[in-house]
C-alpha atoms as a PDB file:
ATOM      1  CA  UNK A   1      15.487-104.397 -45.597  1.00  0.00           C
ATOM      2  CA  UNK A   2      19.233-103.371 -47.493  1.00  0.00           C
ATOM      3  CA  UNK A   3      18.367-101.083 -50.257  1.00  0.00           C
ATOM      4  CA  UNK A   4      18.292-102.418 -53.573  1.00  0.00           C
ATOM      5  CA  UNK A   5      21.562-101.730 -55.568  1.00  0.00           C
ATOM      6  CA  UNK A   6      20.052 -99.311 -58.738  1.00  0.00           C
ATOM      7  CA  UNK A   7      21.746-102.616 -61.276  1.00  0.00           C
ATOM      8  CA  UNK A   8      18.364-104.510 -59.549  1.00  0.00           C
ATOM      9  CA  UNK A   9      16.474-100.657 -59.150  1.00  0.00           C
ATOM     10  CA  UNK A  10      16.822-101.695 -63.234  1.00  0.00           C
ATOM     11  CA  UNK A  11      15.884-105.118 -63.207  1.00  0.00           C
ATOM     12  CA  UNK A  12      13.347-104.730 -61.900  1.00  0.00           C
ATOM     13  CA  UNK A  13      11.979-102.654 -64.266  1.00  0.00           C
ATOM     14  CA  UNK A  14      12.643-103.636 -67.219  1.00  0.00           C
ATOM     15  CA  UNK A  15      11.474-107.038 -66.322  1.00  0.00           C
ATOM     16  CA  UNK A  16       7.536-105.751 -65.298  1.00  0.00           C
ATOM     17  CA  UNK A  17       8.041-102.965 -68.269  1.00  0.00           C
ATOM     18  CA  UNK A  18       9.055-105.636 -70.639  1.00  0.00           C
ATOM     19  CA  UNK A  19       6.196-108.609 -69.770  1.00  0.00           C
ATOM     20  CA  UNK A  20       3.686-105.620 -69.874  1.00  0.00           C
ATOM     21  CA  UNK A  21       4.271-104.587 -73.090  1.00  0.00           C
ATOM     22  CA  UNK A  22       5.149-108.875 -74.543  1.00  0.00           C
ATOM     23  CA  UNK A  23       1.699-110.286 -72.619  1.00  0.00           C
ATOM     24  CA  UNK A  24      -1.608-109.325 -74.595  1.00  0.00           C
ATOM     25  CA  UNK A  25      -3.669-110.026 -71.365  1.00  0.00           C
ATOM     26  CA  UNK A  26      -1.936-107.983 -69.237  1.00  0.00           C
ATOM     27  CA  UNK A  27      -1.293-105.450 -71.814  1.00  0.00           C
ATOM     28  CA  UNK A  28      -5.272-105.878 -72.423  1.00  0.00           C
ATOM     29  CA  UNK A  29      -5.471-105.531 -68.643  1.00  0.00           C
ATOM     30  CA  UNK A  30      -2.913-102.323 -67.870  1.00  0.00           C
ATOM     31  CA  UNK A  31      -4.860-100.493 -70.973  1.00  0.00           C
ATOM     32  CA  UNK A  32      -8.113-100.237 -69.409  1.00  0.00           C
ATOM     33  CA  UNK A  33      -6.854 -98.056 -66.655  1.00  0.00           C
ATOM     34  CA  UNK A  34      -4.415 -95.760 -68.702  1.00  0.00           C
ATOM     35  CA  UNK A  35      -1.233 -97.996 -69.030  1.00  0.00           C
ATOM     36  CA  UNK A  36      -1.974 -98.454 -72.995  1.00  0.00           C
ATOM     37  CA  UNK A  37       1.602 -98.357 -75.565  1.00  0.00           C
ATOM     38  CA  UNK A  38       1.500 -95.263 -75.351  1.00  0.00           C
ATOM     39  CA  UNK A  39       1.703 -95.123 -71.473  1.00  0.00           C
ATOM     40  CA  UNK A  40       4.213 -98.334 -72.447  1.00  0.00           C
ATOM     41  CA  UNK A  41       6.157 -96.752 -74.418  1.00  0.00           C
ATOM     42  CA  UNK A  42       6.920 -94.113 -72.332  1.00  0.00           C
ATOM     43  CA  UNK A  43       8.331 -96.634 -69.996  1.00  0.00           C
ATOM     44  CA  UNK A  44      10.675 -98.298 -72.396  1.00  0.00           C
ATOM     45  CA  UNK A  45      12.076 -95.324 -73.409  1.00  0.00           C
ATOM     46  CA  UNK A  46      12.426 -94.431 -69.755  1.00  0.00           C
ATOM     47  CA  UNK A  47      14.813 -97.300 -68.912  1.00  0.00           C
ATOM     48  CA  UNK A  48      16.353 -97.589 -72.257  1.00  0.00           C
ATOM     49  CA  UNK A  49      17.592 -94.342 -71.145  1.00  0.00           C
ATOM     50  CA  UNK A  50      18.834 -95.406 -67.773  1.00  0.00           C
ATOM     51  CA  UNK A  51      20.251 -97.889 -69.445  1.00  0.00           C
ATOM     52  CA  UNK A  52      22.677 -96.690 -71.601  1.00  0.00           C
ATOM     53  CA  UNK A  53      23.651 -93.857 -68.726  1.00  0.00           C
ATOM     54  CA  UNK A  54      24.019 -96.566 -65.883  1.00  0.00           C
ATOM     55  CA  UNK A  55      26.573 -98.310 -69.028  1.00  0.00           C
ATOM     56  CA  UNK A  56      28.279 -94.386 -69.287  1.00  0.00           C
ATOM     57  CA  UNK A  57      28.820 -93.958 -65.362  1.00  0.00           C
ATOM     58  CA  UNK A  58      30.388 -97.354 -64.349  1.00  0.00           C
ATOM     59  CA  UNK A  59      32.583 -96.510 -68.316  1.00  0.00           C
ATOM     60  CA  UNK A  60      33.482 -93.128 -66.950  1.00  0.00           C
ATOM     61  CA  UNK A  61      34.378 -94.624 -63.494  1.00  0.00           C
ATOM     62  CA  UNK A  62      37.070 -96.886 -65.639  1.00  0.00           C
ATOM     63  CA  UNK A  63      37.867 -95.325 -66.424  1.00  0.00           C
ATOM     64  CA  UNK A  64      38.518 -92.478 -63.304  1.00  0.00           C
ATOM     65  CA  UNK A  65      40.188 -95.994 -62.087  1.00  0.00           C
ATOM     66  CA  UNK A  66      42.951 -96.245 -64.440  1.00  0.00           C
ATOM     67  CA  UNK A  67      43.652 -92.400 -64.613  1.00  0.00           C
ATOM     68  CA  UNK A  68      44.509 -92.840 -60.980  1.00  0.00           C
ATOM     69  CA  UNK A  69      46.388 -95.717 -61.387  1.00  0.00           C
ATOM     70  CA  UNK A  70      48.548 -94.032 -64.289  1.00  0.00           C
ATOM     71  CA  UNK A  71      48.806 -90.381 -61.381  1.00  0.00           C
ATOM     72  CA  UNK A  72      50.095 -92.755 -58.996  1.00  0.00           C
ATOM     73  CA  UNK A  73      52.257 -94.251 -61.469  1.00  0.00           C
ATOM     74  CA  UNK A  74      53.962 -91.096 -62.740  1.00  0.00           C
ATOM     75  CA  UNK A  75      54.637 -90.158 -59.669  1.00  0.00           C
ATOM     76  CA  UNK A  76      56.155 -93.638 -58.939  1.00  0.00           C
ATOM     77  CA  UNK A  77      58.727 -93.200 -62.171  1.00  0.00           C
ATOM     78  CA  UNK A  78      59.529 -89.411 -61.819  1.00  0.00           C
ATOM     79  CA  UNK A  79      59.910 -90.250 -57.960  1.00  0.00           C
ATOM     80  CA  UNK A  80      62.617 -92.826 -58.568  1.00  0.00           C
ATOM     81  CA  UNK A  81      64.626 -89.744 -60.065  1.00  0.00           C
ATOM     82  CA  UNK A  82      63.739 -87.151 -58.451  1.00  0.00           C
ATOM     83  CA  UNK A  83      64.747 -88.864 -55.144  1.00  0.00           C
ATOM     84  CA  UNK A  84      67.713 -89.552 -54.948  1.00  0.00           C
ATOM     85  CA  UNK A  85      68.703 -86.341 -56.369  1.00  0.00           C
ATOM     86  CA  UNK A  86      66.770 -84.520 -54.221  1.00  0.00           C
ATOM     87  CA  UNK A  87      69.465 -86.454 -51.296  1.00  0.00           C
ATOM     88  CA  UNK A  88      72.716 -85.650 -53.194  1.00  0.00           C
ATOM     89  CA  UNK A  89      71.290 -81.565 -54.038  1.00  0.00           C
ATOM     90  CA  UNK A  90      71.166 -81.504 -50.102  1.00  0.00           C
ATOM     91  CA  UNK A  91      74.584 -82.691 -50.539  1.00  0.00           C
ATOM     92  CA  UNK A  92      75.727 -80.409 -51.906  1.00  0.00           C
ATOM     93  CA  UNK A  93      74.325 -77.387 -50.654  1.00  0.00           C
ATOM     94  CA  UNK A  94      74.431 -78.072 -47.196  1.00  0.00           C
ATOM     95  CA  UNK A  95      75.899 -74.900 -46.127  1.00  0.00           C
ATOM     96  CA  UNK A  96      74.239 -72.492 -49.494  1.00  0.00           C
ATOM     97  CA  UNK A  97      70.715 -72.187 -47.297  1.00  0.00           C
ATOM     98  CA  UNK A  98      69.453 -69.885 -49.689  1.00  0.00           C
ATOM     99  CA  UNK A  99      69.799 -72.396 -52.531  1.00  0.00           C
ATOM    100  CA  UNK A 100      68.791 -75.029 -50.244  1.00  0.00           C
ATOM    101  CA  UNK A 101      65.419 -73.259 -49.482  1.00  0.00           C
ATOM    102  CA  UNK A 102      65.642 -72.223 -53.655  1.00  0.00           C
ATOM    103  CA  UNK A 103      64.999 -76.011 -54.015  1.00  0.00           C
ATOM    104  CA  UNK A 104      63.055 -76.661 -51.728  1.00  0.00           C
ATOM    105  CA  UNK A 105      65.051 -80.235 -50.088  1.00  0.00           C
ATOM    106  CA  UNK A 106      64.305 -79.273 -46.667  1.00  0.00           C
ATOM    107  CA  UNK A 107      61.699 -81.317 -44.938  1.00  0.00           C
ATOM    108  CA  UNK A 108      59.675 -84.478 -46.553  1.00  0.00           C
ATOM    109  CA  UNK A 109      58.651 -84.469 -49.563  1.00  0.00           C
ATOM    110  CA  UNK A 110      54.766 -83.561 -49.435  1.00  0.00           C
ATOM    111  CA  UNK A 111      51.700 -85.614 -50.345  1.00  0.00           C
ATOM    112  CA  UNK A 112      48.776 -84.269 -52.116  1.00  0.00           C
ATOM    113  CA  UNK A 113      49.614 -84.738 -55.302  1.00  0.00           C
ATOM    114  CA  UNK A 114      49.782 -80.820 -56.091  1.00  0.00           C
ATOM    115  CA  UNK A 115      51.539 -80.001 -53.740  1.00  0.00           C
ATOM    116  CA  UNK A 116      54.384 -82.442 -55.004  1.00  0.00           C
ATOM    117  CA  UNK A 117      54.224 -81.367 -58.094  1.00  0.00           C
ATOM    118  CA  UNK A 118      54.968 -77.786 -57.253  1.00  0.00           C
ATOM    119  CA  UNK A 119      58.160 -78.289 -54.877  1.00  0.00           C
ATOM    120  CA  UNK A 120      59.545 -80.758 -57.574  1.00  0.00           C
ATOM    121  CA  UNK A 121      58.850 -78.644 -60.470  1.00  0.00           C
ATOM    122  CA  UNK A 122      60.771 -75.820 -58.119  1.00  0.00           C
ATOM    123  CA  UNK A 123      63.532 -77.867 -57.937  1.00  0.00           C
ATOM    124  CA  UNK A 124      64.348 -78.340 -60.951  1.00  0.00           C
ATOM    125  CA  UNK A 125      63.472 -75.089 -62.834  1.00  0.00           C
ATOM    126  CA  UNK A 126      66.105 -73.012 -60.064  1.00  0.00           C
ATOM    127  CA  UNK A 127      68.500 -75.692 -60.275  1.00  0.00           C
ATOM    128  CA  UNK A 128      68.380 -76.200 -64.384  1.00  0.00           C
ATOM    129  CA  UNK A 129      68.261 -71.994 -64.193  1.00  0.00           C
ATOM    130  CA  UNK A 130      71.665 -71.857 -61.772  1.00  0.00           C
ATOM    131  CA  UNK A 131      74.510 -72.359 -63.654  1.00  0.00           C
ATOM    132  CA  UNK A 132      76.839 -73.169 -60.662  1.00  0.00           C
ATOM    133  CA  UNK A 133      74.491 -75.037 -58.860  1.00  0.00           C
ATOM    134  CA  UNK A 134      74.134 -77.538 -61.873  1.00  0.00           C
ATOM    135  CA  UNK A 135      78.301 -78.020 -62.133  1.00  0.00           C
ATOM    136  CA  UNK A 136      77.752 -78.589 -57.945  1.00  0.00           C
ATOM    137  CA  UNK A 137      75.222 -80.838 -58.858  1.00  0.00           C
ATOM    138  CA  UNK A 138      77.798 -82.702 -60.891  1.00  0.00           C
ATOM    139  CA  UNK A 139      80.154 -84.476 -58.614  1.00  0.00           C
ATOM    140  CA  UNK A 140      77.875 -86.858 -58.266  1.00  0.00           C
ATOM    141  CA  UNK A 141      77.710 -87.639 -62.416  1.00  0.00           C
ATOM    142  CA  UNK A 142      74.110 -85.790 -61.719  1.00  0.00           C
ATOM    143  CA  UNK A 143      74.102 -84.079 -65.254  1.00  0.00           C
ATOM    144  CA  UNK A 144      72.767 -81.434 -66.754  1.00  0.00           C
ATOM    145  CA  UNK A 145      70.353 -83.932 -68.653  1.00  0.00           C
ATOM    146  CA  UNK A 146      69.833 -86.559 -66.148  1.00  0.00           C
ATOM    147  CA  UNK A 147      68.740 -83.483 -64.529  1.00  0.00           C
ATOM    148  CA  UNK A 148      66.124 -82.469 -68.182  1.00  0.00           C
ATOM    149  CA  UNK A 149      65.149 -86.471 -67.775  1.00  0.00           C
ATOM    150  CA  UNK A 150      64.055 -85.339 -64.031  1.00  0.00           C
ATOM    151  CA  UNK A 151      61.764 -82.895 -64.588  1.00  0.00           C
ATOM    152  CA  UNK A 152      60.079 -84.030 -67.688  1.00  0.00           C
ATOM    153  CA  UNK A 153      59.314 -86.403 -66.080  1.00  0.00           C
ATOM    154  CA  UNK A 154      57.927 -84.795 -62.702  1.00  0.00           C
ATOM    155  CA  UNK A 155      56.148 -82.541 -66.282  1.00  0.00           C
ATOM    156  CA  UNK A 156      53.968 -85.999 -66.687  1.00  0.00           C
ATOM    157  CA  UNK A 157      52.800 -86.442 -63.279  1.00  0.00           C
ATOM    158  CA  UNK A 158      51.557 -83.064 -64.125  1.00  0.00           C
ATOM    159  CA  UNK A 159      49.660 -84.052 -66.819  1.00  0.00           C
ATOM    160  CA  UNK A 160      48.493 -87.478 -65.153  1.00  0.00           C
ATOM    161  CA  UNK A 161      46.951 -84.806 -62.426  1.00  0.00           C
ATOM    162  CA  UNK A 162      45.069 -83.296 -65.162  1.00  0.00           C
ATOM    163  CA  UNK A 163      44.211 -86.136 -66.668  1.00  0.00           C
ATOM    164  CA  UNK A 164      42.908 -88.177 -63.007  1.00  0.00           C
ATOM    165  CA  UNK A 165      41.020 -84.556 -62.598  1.00  0.00           C
ATOM    166  CA  UNK A 166      39.168 -84.631 -65.463  1.00  0.00           C
ATOM    167  CA  UNK A 167      38.174 -87.856 -65.794  1.00  0.00           C
ATOM    168  CA  UNK A 168      37.116 -87.483 -62.210  1.00  0.00           C
ATOM    169  CA  UNK A 169      34.325 -85.177 -62.946  1.00  0.00           C
ATOM    170  CA  UNK A 170      33.545 -87.071 -66.306  1.00  0.00           C
ATOM    171  CA  UNK A 171      32.342 -89.715 -63.209  1.00  0.00           C
ATOM    172  CA  UNK A 172      31.418 -87.631 -61.016  1.00  0.00           C
ATOM    173  CA  UNK A 173      28.501 -85.858 -63.275  1.00  0.00           C
ATOM    174  CA  UNK A 174      27.701 -89.273 -65.068  1.00  0.00           C
ATOM    175  CA  UNK A 175      27.001 -90.361 -62.011  1.00  0.00           C
ATOM    176  CA  UNK A 176      24.140 -87.151 -61.364  1.00  0.00           C
ATOM    177  CA  UNK A 177      23.601 -87.837 -64.767  1.00  0.00           C
ATOM    178  CA  UNK A 178      22.018 -91.436 -64.304  1.00  0.00           C
ATOM    179  CA  UNK A 179      20.156 -90.578 -61.276  1.00  0.00           C
ATOM    180  CA  UNK A 180      18.364 -87.780 -62.138  1.00  0.00           C
ATOM    181  CA  UNK A 181      16.828 -90.177 -64.760  1.00  0.00           C
ATOM    182  CA  UNK A 182      16.717 -92.962 -62.618  1.00  0.00           C
ATOM    183  CA  UNK A 183      14.564 -91.415 -60.154  1.00  0.00           C
ATOM    184  CA  UNK A 184      12.391 -90.189 -63.076  1.00  0.00           C
ATOM    185  CA  UNK A 185      11.654 -94.242 -63.960  1.00  0.00           C
ATOM    186  CA  UNK A 186      11.504 -95.652 -59.926  1.00  0.00           C
ATOM    187  CA  UNK A 187       8.872 -92.518 -60.213  1.00  0.00           C
ATOM    188  CA  UNK A 188       7.225 -94.273 -63.281  1.00  0.00           C
ATOM    189  CA  UNK A 189       7.578 -97.623 -62.216  1.00  0.00           C
ATOM    190  CA  UNK A 190       6.179 -97.008 -59.148  1.00  0.00           C
ATOM    191  CA  UNK A 191       2.792 -95.809 -60.074  1.00  0.00           C
ATOM    192  CA  UNK A 192       3.008 -98.679 -62.628  1.00  0.00           C
ATOM    193  CA  UNK A 193       3.772-101.600 -60.120  1.00  0.00           C
ATOM    194  CA  UNK A 194       0.459-100.033 -58.043  1.00  0.00           C
ATOM    195  CA  UNK A 195      -2.151 -99.597 -60.786  1.00  0.00           C
ATOM    196  CA  UNK A 196      -0.381-103.151 -62.011  1.00  0.00           C
ATOM    197  CA  UNK A 197      -2.324-104.277 -58.611  1.00  0.00           C
ATOM    198  CA  UNK A 198      -5.212-103.234 -59.077  1.00  0.00           C
ATOM    199  CA  UNK A 199      -5.313-103.560 -62.937  1.00  0.00           C
ATOM    200  CA  UNK A 200      -4.853-107.789 -62.064  1.00  0.00           C
ATOM    201  CA  UNK A 201      -5.607-108.596 -58.766  1.00  0.00           C
ATOM    202  CA  UNK A 202      -7.592-111.116 -59.661  1.00  0.00           C
ATOM    203  CA  UNK A 203      -4.159-112.895 -61.389  1.00  0.00           C
ATOM    204  CA  UNK A 204      -1.849-113.385 -58.959  1.00  0.00           C
ATOM    205  CA  UNK A 205      -0.052-115.657 -61.609  1.00  0.00           C
ATOM    206  CA  UNK A 206       0.277-112.338 -63.927  1.00  0.00           C
ATOM    207  CA  UNK A 207       1.735-110.404 -61.188  1.00  0.00           C
ATOM    208  CA  UNK A 208       4.231-112.579 -60.448  1.00  0.00           C
ATOM    209  CA  UNK A 209       4.939-112.122 -64.419  1.00  0.00           C
ATOM    210  CA  UNK A 210       6.204-108.190 -63.149  1.00  0.00           C
ATOM    211  CA  UNK A 211       7.682-109.214 -60.487  1.00  0.00           C
ATOM    212  CA  UNK A 212       4.633-108.264 -58.086  1.00  0.00           C
ATOM    213  CA  UNK A 213       4.918-111.117 -55.288  1.00  0.00           C
ATOM    214  CA  UNK A 214       1.207-111.176 -53.745  1.00  0.00           C
ATOM    215  CA  UNK A 215       1.415-113.258 -49.620  1.00  0.00           C
ATOM    216  CA  UNK A 216       0.491-116.437 -49.906  1.00  0.00           C
END
């Protein structure tokens, strides 16, 4: 049997708890076995906490996805300046191995965001610190302002990565928080259903109201 989704687990608990409280006959039958008003309120409180944490978890994961999209968009925007400037720098410094190494313009661009940011930041920091390098790029109409613009776009990627890391951590924490409380609810619910089957053994219609389906 396929494992129930978290939303289905919450829904099942909601039906069982709320109908167990709202139906007078069920409530009385349950109270005989210790599931009185206080005990049922305990279950309802757990349910409310899980519902709130589930909503928060979905919100946090939505924010994580949005931050990841923003990160990709930021690097794409940066690459529109950075990659052409790297290609031109390879021409400008084709006979200067030292500067080529200083600017890290040889080879493929790094794939991971952290490594890409390091590589691109090194390029702009070192080229802007060298007047002769700036002059060499000027032959291609790459001005200081254009290099500074490229540097700023790389900084935007770095900021976007920091936000994405933050949102990822918050999403993971929200999942852990929800799971801990969901385990508490499921434990309470499991005991509750077992007791309800005893209390309502002769009333299958009431068990069905709690989501307990008895075989024909």
